[in-house]
Amino acid sequence: SPDLNPIEHVWDLLGRRVRARAIPHRNVRELAGALVEGYGNISQQELANLVQSMRRRCTAVLSAAGGHTRY
């Protein structure tokens, strides 16, 4: 389940930040720059929170018998 892979949530966070930029990218080069910048702005605390949430995520997936969870 992707719910059990913290990197999937990092990609989601990064994607939301890049899409929320005031000035959207116009080409692949600008997109690449926005991704690098966005990744660099993800705090260690945000990453730690994702890792610390794994117990809740595992419990939710088990409760849902592998089905959809809120994560």
PDB file of N, CA and C in Angstrom:
ATOM      1  N   SER A   1       0.833  -1.189   0.000  1.00  0.00           N
ATOM      2  CA  SER A   1       0.000   0.000   0.000  1.00  0.00           C
ATOM      3  C   SER A   1       0.878   1.253   0.000  1.00  0.00           C
ATOM      4  N   PRO A   2       0.588   2.224  -0.863  1.00  0.00           N
ATOM      5  CA  PRO A   2       1.343   3.480  -0.848  1.00  0.00           C
ATOM      6  C   PRO A   2       1.230   4.200   0.500  1.00  0.00           C
ATOM      7  N   ASP A   3       0.157   3.909   1.249  1.00  0.00           N
ATOM      8  CA  ASP A   3       0.003   4.533   2.565  1.00  0.00           C
ATOM      9  C   ASP A   3       1.154   4.177   3.494  1.00  0.00           C
ATOM     10  N   LEU A   4       1.814   3.079   3.217  1.00  0.00           N
ATOM     11  CA  LEU A   4       2.890   2.612   4.084  1.00  0.00           C
ATOM     12  C   LEU A   4       4.266   3.028   3.597  1.00  0.00           C
ATOM     13  N   ASN A   5       4.330   3.881   2.627  1.00  0.00           N
ATOM     14  CA  ASN A   5       5.604   4.329   2.086  1.00  0.00           C
ATOM     15  C   ASN A   5       5.736   5.837   2.283  1.00  0.00           C
ATOM     16  N   PRO A   6       6.533   6.272   3.265  1.00  0.00           N
ATOM     17  CA  PRO A   6       6.634   7.714   3.540  1.00  0.00           C
ATOM     18  C   PRO A   6       7.045   8.551   2.332  1.00  0.00           C
ATOM     19  N   ILE A   7       7.839   7.998   1.415  1.00  0.00           N
ATOM     20  CA  ILE A   7       8.294   8.802   0.278  1.00  0.00           C
ATOM     21  C   ILE A   7       7.123   9.220  -0.602  1.00  0.00           C
ATOM     22  N   GLU A   8       6.068   8.412  -0.649  1.00  0.00           N
ATOM     23  CA  GLU A   8       4.890   8.786  -1.434  1.00  0.00           C
ATOM     24  C   GLU A   8       4.278  10.072  -0.882  1.00  0.00           C
ATOM     25  N   HIS A   9       4.336  10.232   0.415  1.00  0.00           N
ATOM     26  CA  HIS A   9       3.774  11.423   1.042  1.00  0.00           C
ATOM     27  C   HIS A   9       4.697  12.629   0.870  1.00  0.00           C
ATOM     28  N   VAL A  10       5.989  12.372   0.774  1.00  0.00           N
ATOM     29  CA  VAL A  10       6.935  13.462   0.463  1.00  0.00           C
ATOM     30  C   VAL A  10       6.668  13.956  -0.960  1.00  0.00           C
ATOM     31  N   TRP A  11       6.464  13.031  -1.905  1.00  0.00           N
ATOM     32  CA  TRP A  11       6.156  13.427  -3.287  1.00  0.00           C
ATOM     33  C   TRP A  11       4.867  14.241  -3.332  1.00  0.00           C
ATOM     34  N   ASP A  12       3.858  13.822  -2.564  1.00  0.00           N
ATOM     35  CA  ASP A  12       2.593  14.552  -2.524  1.00  0.00           C
ATOM     36  C   ASP A  12       2.802  15.971  -1.986  1.00  0.00           C
ATOM     37  N   LEU A  13       3.533  16.079  -0.892  1.00  0.00           N
ATOM     38  CA  LEU A  13       3.819  17.383  -0.299  1.00  0.00           C
ATOM     39  C   LEU A  13       4.561  18.273  -1.294  1.00  0.00           C
ATOM     40  N   LEU A  14       5.560  17.724  -1.944  1.00  0.00           N
ATOM     41  CA  LEU A  14       6.334  18.464  -2.931  1.00  0.00           C
ATOM     42  C   LEU A  14       5.452  18.920  -4.095  1.00  0.00           C
ATOM     43  N   GLY A  15       4.616  18.023  -4.595  1.00  0.00           N
ATOM     44  CA  GLY A  15       3.731  18.369  -5.709  1.00  0.00           C
ATOM     45  C   GLY A  15       2.766  19.491  -5.347  1.00  0.00           C
ATOM     46  N   ARG A  16       2.198  19.428  -4.146  1.00  0.00           N
ATOM     47  CA  ARG A  16       1.266  20.487  -3.723  1.00  0.00           C
ATOM     48  C   ARG A  16       1.980  21.827  -3.612  1.00  0.00           C
ATOM     49  N   ARG A  17       3.208  21.807  -3.123  1.00  0.00           N
ATOM     50  CA  ARG A  17       3.951  23.070  -2.996  1.00  0.00           C
ATOM     51  C   ARG A  17       4.309  23.660  -4.362  1.00  0.00           C
ATOM     52  N   VAL A  18       4.701  22.805  -5.286  1.00  0.00           N
ATOM     53  CA  VAL A  18       5.060  23.300  -6.626  1.00  0.00           C
ATOM     54  C   VAL A  18       3.819  23.853  -7.325  1.00  0.00           C
ATOM     55  N   ARG A  19       2.679  23.172  -7.199  1.00  0.00           N
ATOM     56  CA  ARG A  19       1.440  23.665  -7.815  1.00  0.00           C
ATOM     57  C   ARG A  19       0.939  24.949  -7.178  1.00  0.00           C
ATOM     58  N   ALA A  20       1.283  25.192  -5.920  1.00  0.00           N
ATOM     59  CA  ALA A  20       0.794  26.366  -5.200  1.00  0.00           C
ATOM     60  C   ALA A  20       1.651  27.610  -5.435  1.00  0.00           C
ATOM     61  N   ARG A  21       2.720  27.478  -6.174  1.00  0.00           N
ATOM     62  CA  ARG A  21       3.595  28.635  -6.423  1.00  0.00           C
ATOM     63  C   ARG A  21       2.817  29.757  -7.094  1.00  0.00           C
ATOM     64  N   ALA A  22       3.149  30.985  -6.712  1.00  0.00           N
ATOM     65  CA  ALA A  22       2.468  32.163  -7.260  1.00  0.00           C
ATOM     66  C   ALA A  22       2.697  32.281  -8.771  1.00  0.00           C
ATOM     67  N   ILE A  23       3.904  31.962  -9.200  1.00  0.00           N
ATOM     68  CA  ILE A  23       4.236  32.033 -10.626  1.00  0.00           C
ATOM     69  C   ILE A  23       4.460  30.606 -11.118  1.00  0.00           C
ATOM     70  N   PRO A  24       3.533  30.085 -11.921  1.00  0.00           N
ATOM     71  CA  PRO A  24       3.691  28.699 -12.387  1.00  0.00           C
ATOM     72  C   PRO A  24       4.881  28.559 -13.344  1.00  0.00           C
ATOM     73  N   HIS A  25       5.418  27.356 -13.410  1.00  0.00           N
ATOM     74  CA  HIS A  25       6.540  27.104 -14.315  1.00  0.00           C
ATOM     75  C   HIS A  25       6.038  27.136 -15.759  1.00  0.00           C
ATOM     76  N   ARG A  26       6.933  27.554 -16.653  1.00  0.00           N
ATOM     77  CA  ARG A  26       6.571  27.670 -18.069  1.00  0.00           C
ATOM     78  C   ARG A  26       7.203  26.592 -18.926  1.00  0.00           C
ATOM     79  N   ASN A  27       8.199  25.908 -18.378  1.00  0.00           N
ATOM     80  CA  ASN A  27       8.877  24.879 -19.156  1.00  0.00           C
ATOM     81  C   ASN A  27       9.502  23.855 -18.201  1.00  0.00           C
ATOM     82  N   VAL A  28      10.108  22.838 -18.755  1.00  0.00           N
ATOM     83  CA  VAL A  28      10.672  21.749 -17.960  1.00  0.00           C
ATOM     84  C   VAL A  28      11.808  22.252 -17.065  1.00  0.00           C
ATOM     85  N   ARG A  29      12.599  23.147 -17.570  1.00  0.00           N
ATOM     86  CA  ARG A  29      13.717  23.678 -16.777  1.00  0.00           C
ATOM     87  C   ARG A  29      13.202  24.387 -15.525  1.00  0.00           C
ATOM     88  N   GLU A  30      12.155  25.210 -15.675  1.00  0.00           N
ATOM     89  CA  GLU A  30      11.577  25.902 -14.524  1.00  0.00           C
ATOM     90  C   GLU A  30      10.920  24.912 -13.567  1.00  0.00           C
ATOM     91  N   LEU A  31      10.282  23.882 -14.117  1.00  0.00           N
ATOM     92  CA  LEU A  31       9.679  22.855 -13.274  1.00  0.00           C
ATOM     93  C   LEU A  31      10.759  22.159 -12.458  1.00  0.00           C
ATOM     94  N   ALA A  32      11.855  21.792 -13.097  1.00  0.00           N
ATOM     95  CA  ALA A  32      12.950  21.128 -12.387  1.00  0.00           C
ATOM     96  C   ALA A  32      13.480  22.021 -11.271  1.00  0.00           C
ATOM     97  N   GLY A  33      13.634  23.296 -11.553  1.00  0.00           N
ATOM     98  CA  GLY A  33      14.099  24.230 -10.530  1.00  0.00           C
ATOM     99  C   GLY A  33      13.122  24.341  -9.374  1.00  0.00           C
ATOM    100  N   ALA A  34      11.825  24.372  -9.693  1.00  0.00           N
ATOM    101  CA  ALA A  34      10.792  24.457  -8.656  1.00  0.00           C
ATOM    102  C   ALA A  34      10.799  23.200  -7.791  1.00  0.00           C
ATOM    103  N   LEU A  35      11.012  22.047  -8.397  1.00  0.00           N
ATOM    104  CA  LEU A  35      11.061  20.796  -7.643  1.00  0.00           C
ATOM    105  C   LEU A  35      12.266  20.761  -6.706  1.00  0.00           C
ATOM    106  N   VAL A  36      13.420  21.175  -7.210  1.00  0.00           N
ATOM    107  CA  VAL A  36      14.626  21.205  -6.375  1.00  0.00           C
ATOM    108  C   VAL A  36      14.447  22.184  -5.218  1.00  0.00           C
ATOM    109  N   GLU A  37      13.921  23.349  -5.521  1.00  0.00           N
ATOM    110  CA  GLU A  37      13.686  24.359  -4.479  1.00  0.00           C
ATOM    111  C   GLU A  37      12.674  23.840  -3.457  1.00  0.00           C
ATOM    112  N   GLY A  38      11.577  23.280  -3.945  1.00  0.00           N
ATOM    113  CA  GLY A  38      10.542  22.770  -3.051  1.00  0.00           C
ATOM    114  C   GLY A  38      11.050  21.660  -2.161  1.00  0.00           C
ATOM    115  N   TYR A  39      11.834  20.754  -2.720  1.00  0.00           N
ATOM    116  CA  TYR A  39      12.388  19.661  -1.926  1.00  0.00           C
ATOM    117  C   TYR A  39      13.315  20.204  -0.845  1.00  0.00           C
ATOM    118  N   GLY A  40      14.097  21.200  -1.206  1.00  0.00           N
ATOM    119  CA  GLY A  40      15.015  21.805  -0.245  1.00  0.00           C
ATOM    120  C   GLY A  40      14.301  22.522   0.888  1.00  0.00           C
ATOM    121  N   ASN A  41      13.049  22.893   0.651  1.00  0.00           N
ATOM    122  CA  ASN A  41      12.271  23.611   1.664  1.00  0.00           C
ATOM    123  C   ASN A  41      11.423  22.700   2.542  1.00  0.00           C
ATOM    124  N   ILE A  42      11.502  21.403   2.327  1.00  0.00           N
ATOM    125  CA  ILE A  42      10.790  20.475   3.211  1.00  0.00           C
ATOM    126  C   ILE A  42      11.632  20.345   4.475  1.00  0.00           C
ATOM    127  N   SER A  43      11.032  20.673   5.598  1.00  0.00           N
ATOM    128  CA  SER A  43      11.793  20.698   6.847  1.00  0.00           C
ATOM    129  C   SER A  43      12.042  19.294   7.397  1.00  0.00           C
ATOM    130  N   GLN A  44      13.058  19.194   8.215  1.00  0.00           N
ATOM    131  CA  GLN A  44      13.351  17.935   8.889  1.00  0.00           C
ATOM    132  C   GLN A  44      12.186  17.529   9.786  1.00  0.00           C
ATOM    133  N   GLN A  45      11.500  18.519  10.350  1.00  0.00           N
ATOM    134  CA  GLN A  45      10.351  18.213  11.207  1.00  0.00           C
ATOM    135  C   GLN A  45       9.216  17.588  10.404  1.00  0.00           C
ATOM    136  N   GLU A  46       8.982  18.097   9.189  1.00  0.00           N
ATOM    137  CA  GLU A  46       7.940  17.511   8.342  1.00  0.00           C
ATOM    138  C   GLU A  46       8.270  16.059   8.007  1.00  0.00           C
ATOM    139  N   LEU A  47       9.527  15.789   7.716  1.00  0.00           N
ATOM    140  CA  LEU A  47       9.949  14.421   7.415  1.00  0.00           C
ATOM    141  C   LEU A  47       9.829  13.533   8.654  1.00  0.00           C
ATOM    142  N   ALA A  48      10.222  14.063   9.798  1.00  0.00           N
ATOM    143  CA  ALA A  48      10.112  13.303  11.044  1.00  0.00           C
ATOM    144  C   ALA A  48       8.650  12.992  11.351  1.00  0.00           C
ATOM    145  N   ASN A  49       7.764  13.948  11.102  1.00  0.00           N
ATOM    146  CA  ASN A  49       6.333  13.719  11.339  1.00  0.00           C
ATOM    147  C   ASN A  49       5.809  12.578  10.480  1.00  0.00           C
ATOM    148  N   LEU A  50       6.265  12.527   9.223  1.00  0.00           N
ATOM    149  CA  LEU A  50       5.840  11.429   8.343  1.00  0.00           C
ATOM    150  C   LEU A  50       6.295  10.076   8.885  1.00  0.00           C
ATOM    151  N   VAL A  51       7.543  10.013   9.300  1.00  0.00           N
ATOM    152  CA  VAL A  51       8.072   8.756   9.830  1.00  0.00           C
ATOM    153  C   VAL A  51       7.335   8.379  11.117  1.00  0.00           C
ATOM    154  N   GLN A  52       7.092   9.352  11.976  1.00  0.00           N
ATOM    155  CA  GLN A  52       6.412   9.079  13.244  1.00  0.00           C
ATOM    156  C   GLN A  52       4.958   8.663  13.045  1.00  0.00           C
ATOM    157  N   SER A  53       4.374   9.000  11.904  1.00  0.00           N
ATOM    158  CA  SER A  53       2.979   8.638  11.644  1.00  0.00           C
ATOM    159  C   SER A  53       2.826   7.203  11.156  1.00  0.00           C
ATOM    160  N   MET A  54       3.915   6.496  10.976  1.00  0.00           N
ATOM    161  CA  MET A  54       3.845   5.166  10.383  1.00  0.00           C
ATOM    162  C   MET A  54       3.048   4.175  11.227  1.00  0.00           C
ATOM    163  N   ARG A  55       3.122   4.263  12.532  1.00  0.00           N
ATOM    164  CA  ARG A  55       2.340   3.343  13.375  1.00  0.00           C
ATOM    165  C   ARG A  55       0.850   3.540  13.107  1.00  0.00           C
ATOM    166  N   ARG A  56       0.399   4.812  13.049  1.00  0.00           N
ATOM    167  CA  ARG A  56      -1.019   5.100  12.751  1.00  0.00           C
ATOM    168  C   ARG A  56      -1.381   4.609  11.363  1.00  0.00           C
ATOM    169  N   ARG A  57      -0.505   4.813  10.404  1.00  0.00           N
ATOM    170  CA  ARG A  57      -0.771   4.396   9.025  1.00  0.00           C
ATOM    171  C   ARG A  57      -0.906   2.876   8.931  1.00  0.00           C
ATOM    172  N   CYS A  58       0.005   2.158   9.585  1.00  0.00           N
ATOM    173  CA  CYS A  58      -0.059   0.692   9.572  1.00  0.00           C
ATOM    174  C   CYS A  58      -1.350   0.203  10.210  1.00  0.00           C
ATOM    175  N   THR A  59      -1.713   0.799  11.334  1.00  0.00           N
ATOM    176  CA  THR A  59      -2.950   0.419  12.016  1.00  0.00           C
ATOM    177  C   THR A  59      -4.157   0.680  11.123  1.00  0.00           C
ATOM    178  N   ALA A  60      -4.166   1.827  10.435  1.00  0.00           N
ATOM    179  CA  ALA A  60      -5.289   2.168   9.557  1.00  0.00           C
ATOM    180  C   ALA A  60      -5.400   1.186   8.393  1.00  0.00           C
ATOM    181  N   VAL A  61      -4.277   0.815   7.801  1.00  0.00           N
ATOM    182  CA  VAL A  61      -4.296  -0.129   6.674  1.00  0.00           C
ATOM    183  C   VAL A  61      -4.773  -1.502   7.143  1.00  0.00           C
ATOM    184  N   LEU A  62      -4.312  -1.921   8.311  1.00  0.00           N
ATOM    185  CA  LEU A  62      -4.754  -3.219   8.844  1.00  0.00           C
ATOM    186  C   LEU A  62      -6.262  -3.182   9.141  1.00  0.00           C
ATOM    187  N   SER A  63      -6.725  -2.089   9.729  1.00  0.00           N
ATOM    188  CA  SER A  63      -8.159  -1.959  10.038  1.00  0.00           C
ATOM    189  C   SER A  63      -9.007  -1.964   8.787  1.00  0.00           C
ATOM    190  N   ALA A  64      -8.465  -1.402   7.708  1.00  0.00           N
ATOM    191  CA  ALA A  64      -9.202  -1.334   6.439  1.00  0.00           C
ATOM    192  C   ALA A  64      -8.969  -2.576   5.587  1.00  0.00           C
ATOM    193  N   ALA A  65      -8.292  -3.573   6.153  1.00  0.00           N
ATOM    194  CA  ALA A  65      -7.975  -4.816   5.430  1.00  0.00           C
ATOM    195  C   ALA A  65      -7.301  -4.519   4.097  1.00  0.00           C
ATOM    196  N   GLY A  66      -6.409  -3.528   4.108  1.00  0.00           N
ATOM    197  CA  GLY A  66      -5.681  -3.173   2.891  1.00  0.00           C
ATOM    198  C   GLY A  66      -6.429  -2.217   1.984  1.00  0.00           C
ATOM    199  N   GLY A  67      -7.636  -1.840   2.365  1.00  0.00           N
ATOM    200  CA  GLY A  67      -8.439  -0.929   1.550  1.00  0.00           C
ATOM    201  C   GLY A  67      -8.078   0.531   1.790  1.00  0.00           C
ATOM    202  N   HIS A  68      -8.950   1.401   1.358  1.00  0.00           N
ATOM    203  CA  HIS A  68      -8.729   2.847   1.440  1.00  0.00           C
ATOM    204  C   HIS A  68      -8.642   3.325   2.891  1.00  0.00           C
ATOM    205  N   THR A  69      -7.717   4.229   3.146  1.00  0.00           N
ATOM    206  CA  THR A  69      -7.600   4.881   4.447  1.00  0.00           C
ATOM    207  C   THR A  69      -7.622   6.382   4.240  1.00  0.00           C
ATOM    208  N   ARG A  70      -7.655   7.140   5.313  1.00  0.00           N
ATOM    209  CA  ARG A  70      -7.653   8.598   5.189  1.00  0.00           C
ATOM    210  C   ARG A  70      -6.293   9.139   4.802  1.00  0.00           C
ATOM    211  N   TYR A  71      -5.298   8.285   4.793  1.00  0.00           N
ATOM    212  CA  TYR A  71      -3.955   8.710   4.435  1.00  0.00           C
ATOM    213  C   TYR A  71      -3.781   8.615   2.936  1.00  0.00           C
TER     214      TYR A  71
END
